[in-house]
Amino acid sequence: MILDRILEHKKAELRRKKSRGYLTGLKGKIADRPVPAGFINALEEARTPECPALITEVKKASPSQGLMRPEFEDRFDPVGIAGTYKEHGAAAVSVLTDHEFFQGHLEHLARVKDHVGLPALNKEFMIEDVQFYEARAYGADAVLLIVAALDRIQLEDFYTMAKGLALDVLIETHDESEIDRVLERIPDAALIGINNRDLTTFSTDLSVTRRLAPRIPSEKVIVSESGIHKREDVLQILEAGAKAMLVGESLVRADDIGTKILALRGTTRQDNEAQRPGQGARWI
């Protein structure tokens, strides 16, 4: 399974980072960083009865499809992409930082946060303590915990660690048992993701959100992740109870990112006061 391959490589990668000097350096960077923005609050404020809050993703590649766009081989602009997201109404941004499988980098996260300013999620496979210090040092406001990648003790400990670093936490689930584990072991978890992507086949199915969302208490912020390509998809997950949606592939691949966002949100350019034509919305 691709998740197993990623986790094995991540363990080897992190062994090279386990030094007192590296952690000390991260703590120094954290001291120079402002207090994280409220990621969950931003989602709550942005959502409407017509549309979940939009978390847009800066994604260069994926293990199943390679580069999202051919030109990303020598021209990838995380700041330009995130800036276009912000201009068209994104509530927050998710930045892939895994290098081996997604061609991401922690510097992408730092640059997006420093230059665009949206509340930022560090999209990473968190399996070691040092990664939480990395996330905070490079500007993250929230981190991702994937239930399928963690045992019960790790899930609880990492959640506590993230909160101790003032980071919000998106806990990603894939099935009923994972949701039940989160609700039982971390009852105060406010942000629960439902990933519509099968980790074995990498196919997506929005019925996963429709099936799992009713298991989650209404006061939680449900984030539907993956497989959201058109307005009809947005309406499906909204009806199921999603208060936010994480969209990456369909935006990055779009000929006009701004137009795609507006279509998903069900609005127009005239209604989008932040629209500024010509600044990154089109691929050339």
Protein backbone atom coordinates (compact mmCIF):
# COMPACT_ATOMS: atom_id res chain seq x y z
CA MET A 1 0.00 0.00 0.00
CA ILE A 2 1.29 3.46 -0.90
CA LEU A 3 0.77 4.74 2.67
CA ASP A 4 3.06 2.01 4.01
CA ARG A 5 5.77 2.95 1.48
CA ILE A 6 5.49 6.61 2.44
CA LEU A 7 5.71 5.88 6.16
CA GLU A 8 8.74 3.62 5.77
CA HIS A 9 10.58 6.28 3.80
CA LYS A 10 9.51 8.96 6.28
CA LYS A 11 11.02 6.99 9.16
CA ALA A 12 14.37 6.78 7.37
CA GLU A 13 14.21 10.47 6.45
CA LEU A 14 13.55 11.53 10.03
CA ARG A 15 16.37 9.42 11.48
CA ARG A 16 18.75 11.80 9.75
CA LYS A 17 17.13 14.74 11.53
CA LYS A 18 17.37 13.39 15.05
CA SER A 19 20.01 15.63 16.51
CA ARG A 20 19.90 18.02 19.43
CA GLY A 21 21.30 20.78 17.26
CA TYR A 22 18.52 20.48 14.69
CA LEU A 23 15.77 20.66 17.32
CA THR A 24 17.47 23.61 19.01
CA GLY A 25 17.54 25.42 15.68
CA LEU A 26 13.84 24.79 15.16
CA LYS A 27 13.03 26.15 18.61
CA GLY A 28 14.98 29.27 17.76
CA LYS A 29 12.91 29.75 14.61
CA ILE A 30 9.71 29.23 16.57
CA ALA A 31 10.70 32.02 18.95
CA ASP A 32 10.82 34.39 15.97
CA ARG A 33 7.44 33.29 14.62
CA PRO A 34 4.16 35.02 15.50
CA VAL A 35 1.46 33.11 17.35
CA PRO A 36 -0.35 30.82 14.87
CA ALA A 37 -3.54 32.13 13.31
CA GLY A 38 -6.77 30.38 14.25
CA PHE A 39 -7.14 27.80 11.48
CA ILE A 40 -10.42 26.40 12.79
CA ASN A 41 -11.83 29.87 13.45
CA ALA A 42 -11.04 30.88 9.87
CA LEU A 43 -13.05 27.93 8.57
CA GLU A 44 -15.99 28.66 10.85
CA GLU A 45 -16.06 32.31 9.76
CA ALA A 46 -15.80 31.51 6.03
CA ARG A 47 -18.45 28.82 5.67
CA THR A 48 -21.95 29.74 4.51
CA PRO A 49 -25.24 27.86 4.08
CA GLU A 50 -24.41 27.66 0.36
CA CYS A 51 -20.79 26.54 0.57
CA PRO A 52 -18.37 24.90 3.00
CA ALA A 53 -15.22 26.83 3.83
CA LEU A 54 -12.57 26.19 1.20
CA ILE A 55 -9.13 24.85 2.11
CA THR A 56 -7.07 25.04 -1.08
CA GLU A 57 -3.98 22.90 -1.58
CA VAL A 58 -0.55 23.76 -2.95
CA LYS A 59 0.47 20.47 -4.52
CA LYS A 60 3.27 19.88 -7.00
CA ALA A 61 2.98 16.11 -7.49
CA SER A 62 1.41 12.93 -6.16
CA PRO A 63 2.72 9.36 -5.87
CA SER A 64 -0.04 8.02 -8.11
CA GLN A 65 0.02 10.66 -10.86
CA GLY A 66 3.42 12.32 -10.77
CA LEU A 67 3.58 16.04 -11.56
CA MET A 68 0.23 17.80 -11.40
CA ARG A 69 1.28 19.85 -14.45
CA PRO A 70 4.17 19.19 -16.88
CA GLU A 71 5.55 22.70 -16.43
CA PHE A 72 6.01 22.07 -12.70
CA GLU A 73 9.21 20.22 -13.67
CA ASP A 74 11.04 23.54 -13.93
CA ARG A 75 8.43 26.16 -12.96
CA PHE A 76 6.50 25.75 -9.73
CA ASP A 77 5.34 28.84 -7.85
CA PRO A 78 3.74 28.00 -4.49
CA VAL A 79 3.32 31.66 -3.58
CA GLY A 80 1.65 32.54 -6.89
CA ILE A 81 -0.73 29.60 -6.62
CA ALA A 82 -1.64 30.38 -3.00
CA GLY A 83 -2.06 34.06 -3.84
CA THR A 84 -4.60 33.18 -6.52
CA TYR A 85 -6.41 30.95 -4.03
CA LYS A 86 -6.65 33.84 -1.57
CA GLU A 87 -7.85 36.30 -4.21
CA HIS A 88 -10.77 34.06 -5.04
CA GLY A 89 -12.05 33.34 -1.57
CA ALA A 90 -10.05 30.51 -0.04
CA ALA A 91 -10.39 30.42 3.75
CA ALA A 92 -7.10 28.58 4.30
CA VAL A 93 -4.31 26.82 2.44
CA SER A 94 -2.82 23.34 2.75
CA VAL A 95 0.83 22.97 1.71
CA LEU A 96 2.40 19.58 0.90
CA THR A 97 5.87 19.38 2.45
CA ASP A 98 6.81 15.74 1.77
CA HIS A 99 9.59 15.73 -0.81
CA GLU A 100 10.04 12.10 -1.84
CA PHE A 101 6.46 11.39 -2.93
CA PHE A 102 4.90 14.85 -3.44
CA GLN A 103 7.94 17.00 -4.31
CA GLY A 104 7.02 19.40 -1.54
CA HIS A 105 9.28 21.24 0.87
CA LEU A 106 9.06 23.01 4.21
CA GLU A 107 10.30 26.15 2.46
CA HIS A 108 7.13 26.08 0.33
CA LEU A 109 5.14 26.30 3.57
CA ALA A 110 7.25 29.17 4.93
CA ARG A 111 7.07 31.16 1.70
CA VAL A 112 3.32 30.74 1.35
CA LYS A 113 2.72 31.76 4.95
CA ASP A 114 5.07 34.74 4.84
CA HIS A 115 3.92 36.11 1.47
CA VAL A 116 0.23 35.15 1.30
CA GLY A 117 -0.80 35.07 4.95
CA LEU A 118 -3.70 32.62 4.79
CA PRO A 119 -4.04 30.24 7.75
CA ALA A 120 -1.82 27.33 6.71
CA LEU A 121 -2.01 23.58 7.21
CA ASN A 122 1.24 21.61 7.07
CA LYS A 123 0.17 18.63 4.92
CA GLU A 124 2.67 16.03 6.05
CA PHE A 125 2.84 12.46 7.36
CA MET A 126 3.42 13.15 11.05
CA ILE A 127 5.12 10.25 12.82
CA GLU A 128 7.82 11.90 14.99
CA ASP A 129 7.91 14.69 17.57
CA VAL A 130 10.40 16.78 15.58
CA GLN A 131 7.91 17.25 12.74
CA PHE A 132 5.63 19.32 14.97
CA TYR A 133 8.50 21.67 15.75
CA GLU A 134 9.23 21.85 12.02
CA ALA A 135 5.63 22.73 11.26
CA ARG A 136 5.58 25.51 13.85
CA ALA A 137 9.03 26.81 12.82
CA TYR A 138 8.07 27.08 9.16
CA GLY A 139 4.82 28.93 9.75
CA ALA A 140 2.05 26.33 10.04
CA ASP A 141 -1.13 27.20 11.89
CA ALA A 142 -2.39 23.61 11.81
CA VAL A 143 -1.08 20.09 11.29
CA LEU A 144 -2.55 16.87 9.92
CA LEU A 145 -2.84 13.64 11.89
CA ILE A 146 -3.76 10.62 9.76
CA VAL A 147 -5.45 8.03 11.94
CA ALA A 148 -4.46 5.19 9.58
CA ALA A 149 -0.78 6.09 10.06
CA LEU A 150 -0.76 6.21 13.87
CA ASP A 151 -1.43 3.92 16.80
CA ARG A 152 -3.69 4.99 19.64
CA ILE A 153 -0.91 6.33 21.85
CA GLN A 154 0.72 8.29 19.02
CA LEU A 155 -2.62 9.81 18.06
CA GLU A 156 -3.25 11.06 21.59
CA ASP A 157 0.33 12.18 22.26
CA PHE A 158 0.71 13.99 18.94
CA TYR A 159 -2.60 15.78 19.41
CA THR A 160 -1.45 16.99 22.82
CA MET A 161 1.94 18.04 21.44
CA ALA A 162 0.37 20.02 18.60
CA LYS A 163 -1.98 21.84 20.95
CA GLY A 164 0.98 22.59 23.23
CA LEU A 165 2.64 24.34 20.28
CA ALA A 166 -0.56 26.36 19.68
CA LEU A 167 -1.32 24.45 16.48
CA ASP A 168 -4.81 23.43 15.43
CA VAL A 169 -5.18 19.80 14.38
CA LEU A 170 -7.01 18.26 11.43
CA ILE A 171 -7.54 14.58 12.22
CA GLU A 172 -8.05 12.57 9.03
CA THR A 173 -10.27 9.50 8.99
CA HIS A 174 -11.23 6.98 6.31
CA ASP A 175 -13.81 4.68 7.89
CA GLU A 176 -16.21 4.16 10.79
CA SER A 177 -13.67 2.59 13.14
CA GLU A 178 -11.28 5.50 12.75
CA ILE A 179 -14.00 8.04 13.49
CA ASP A 180 -15.07 6.10 16.57
CA ARG A 181 -11.45 5.98 17.75
CA VAL A 182 -11.09 9.74 17.44
CA LEU A 183 -14.35 10.48 19.22
CA GLU A 184 -13.46 8.10 22.04
CA ARG A 185 -9.78 8.96 22.54
CA ILE A 186 -9.80 12.70 21.67
CA PRO A 187 -13.29 13.94 22.56
CA ASP A 188 -12.27 17.61 22.31
CA ALA A 189 -11.02 17.26 18.72
CA ALA A 190 -12.82 20.05 16.86
CA LEU A 191 -11.65 19.44 13.27
CA ILE A 192 -12.26 16.00 11.75
CA GLY A 193 -11.45 15.19 8.15
CA ILE A 194 -13.10 12.52 6.03
CA ASN A 195 -10.84 11.46 3.18
CA ASN A 196 -12.80 10.26 0.18
CA ARG A 197 -9.67 8.64 -1.27
CA ASP A 198 -9.09 4.91 -0.81
CA LEU A 199 -5.54 4.51 0.48
CA THR A 200 -5.16 1.18 -1.30
CA THR A 201 -6.45 2.04 -4.78
CA PHE A 202 -6.15 5.84 -4.56
CA SER A 203 -9.59 6.12 -6.18
CA THR A 204 -12.07 8.66 -4.75
CA ASP A 205 -15.74 8.32 -3.86
CA LEU A 206 -17.81 11.12 -2.30
CA SER A 207 -20.17 8.55 -0.82
CA VAL A 208 -17.53 8.13 1.90
CA THR A 209 -18.38 11.59 3.23
CA ARG A 210 -22.10 10.89 2.92
CA ARG A 211 -21.68 7.63 4.84
CA LEU A 212 -19.37 8.81 7.60
CA ALA A 213 -20.44 12.39 8.33
CA PRO A 214 -23.59 11.39 10.31
CA ARG A 215 -21.35 9.61 12.86
CA ILE A 216 -19.69 12.90 13.80
CA PRO A 217 -21.37 15.28 16.31
CA SER A 218 -22.76 18.43 14.69
CA GLU A 219 -20.59 20.76 16.76
CA LYS A 220 -17.44 19.41 15.09
CA VAL A 221 -16.05 20.94 11.91
CA ILE A 222 -16.18 18.18 9.29
CA VAL A 223 -13.74 18.57 6.40
CA SER A 224 -14.44 16.55 3.26
CA GLU A 225 -11.14 15.80 1.49
CA SER A 226 -10.35 14.64 -2.07
CA GLY A 227 -12.54 13.95 -5.10
CA ILE A 228 -14.21 17.36 -5.18
CA HIS A 229 -14.19 18.56 -8.80
CA LYS A 230 -17.43 20.43 -9.53
CA ARG A 231 -20.24 22.38 -7.92
CA GLU A 232 -22.45 19.29 -7.75
CA ASP A 233 -19.77 17.61 -5.62
CA VAL A 234 -19.74 20.59 -3.26
CA LEU A 235 -23.51 20.42 -2.86
CA GLN A 236 -23.28 16.69 -2.09
CA ILE A 237 -20.81 17.10 0.76
CA LEU A 238 -22.62 20.19 2.04
CA GLU A 239 -25.84 18.22 2.31
CA ALA A 240 -23.95 15.44 4.10
CA GLY A 241 -22.84 17.88 6.79
CA ALA A 242 -19.38 19.03 5.72
CA LYS A 243 -18.49 22.48 7.01
CA ALA A 244 -15.23 22.68 5.06
CA MET A 245 -13.66 21.06 2.01
CA LEU A 246 -10.06 20.46 1.05
CA VAL A 247 -9.48 20.77 -2.69
CA GLY A 248 -6.14 20.43 -4.44
CA GLU A 249 -5.85 18.42 -7.62
CA SER A 250 -8.84 19.91 -9.47
CA LEU A 251 -7.59 23.43 -8.74
CA VAL A 252 -3.92 22.93 -9.56
CA ARG A 253 -4.81 21.23 -12.85
CA ALA A 254 -7.35 23.91 -13.88
CA ASP A 255 -6.52 26.18 -16.84
CA ASP A 256 -7.89 29.08 -14.80
CA ILE A 257 -7.65 28.53 -11.06
CA GLY A 258 -9.77 31.56 -10.17
CA THR A 259 -12.64 30.54 -12.42
CA LYS A 260 -12.52 27.01 -11.00
CA ILE A 261 -12.72 28.28 -7.43
CA LEU A 262 -15.63 30.55 -8.23
CA ALA A 263 -17.45 27.63 -9.90
CA LEU A 264 -16.96 25.42 -6.86
CA ARG A 265 -18.17 28.18 -4.56
CA GLY A 266 -21.17 28.92 -6.79
CA THR A 267 -20.33 32.59 -7.20
CA THR A 268 -19.23 34.95 -9.99
CA ARG A 269 -16.31 37.25 -10.61
CA GLN A 270 -18.57 40.25 -10.08
CA ASP A 271 -19.47 38.94 -6.64
CA ASN A 272 -15.86 38.27 -5.72
CA GLU A 273 -14.50 41.63 -4.64
CA ALA A 274 -11.00 40.29 -4.14
CA GLN A 275 -10.65 39.30 -7.82
CA ARG A 276 -7.68 40.97 -9.52
CA PRO A 277 -7.39 39.82 -13.17
CA GLY A 278 -4.02 38.76 -14.49
CA GLN A 279 -2.25 37.99 -11.25
CA GLY A 280 -1.64 34.29 -11.40
CA ALA A 281 -5.15 33.10 -12.15
CA ARG A 282 -4.23 31.68 -15.58
CA TRP A 283 -1.57 29.20 -16.56
CA ILE A 284 0.49 30.21 -19.59
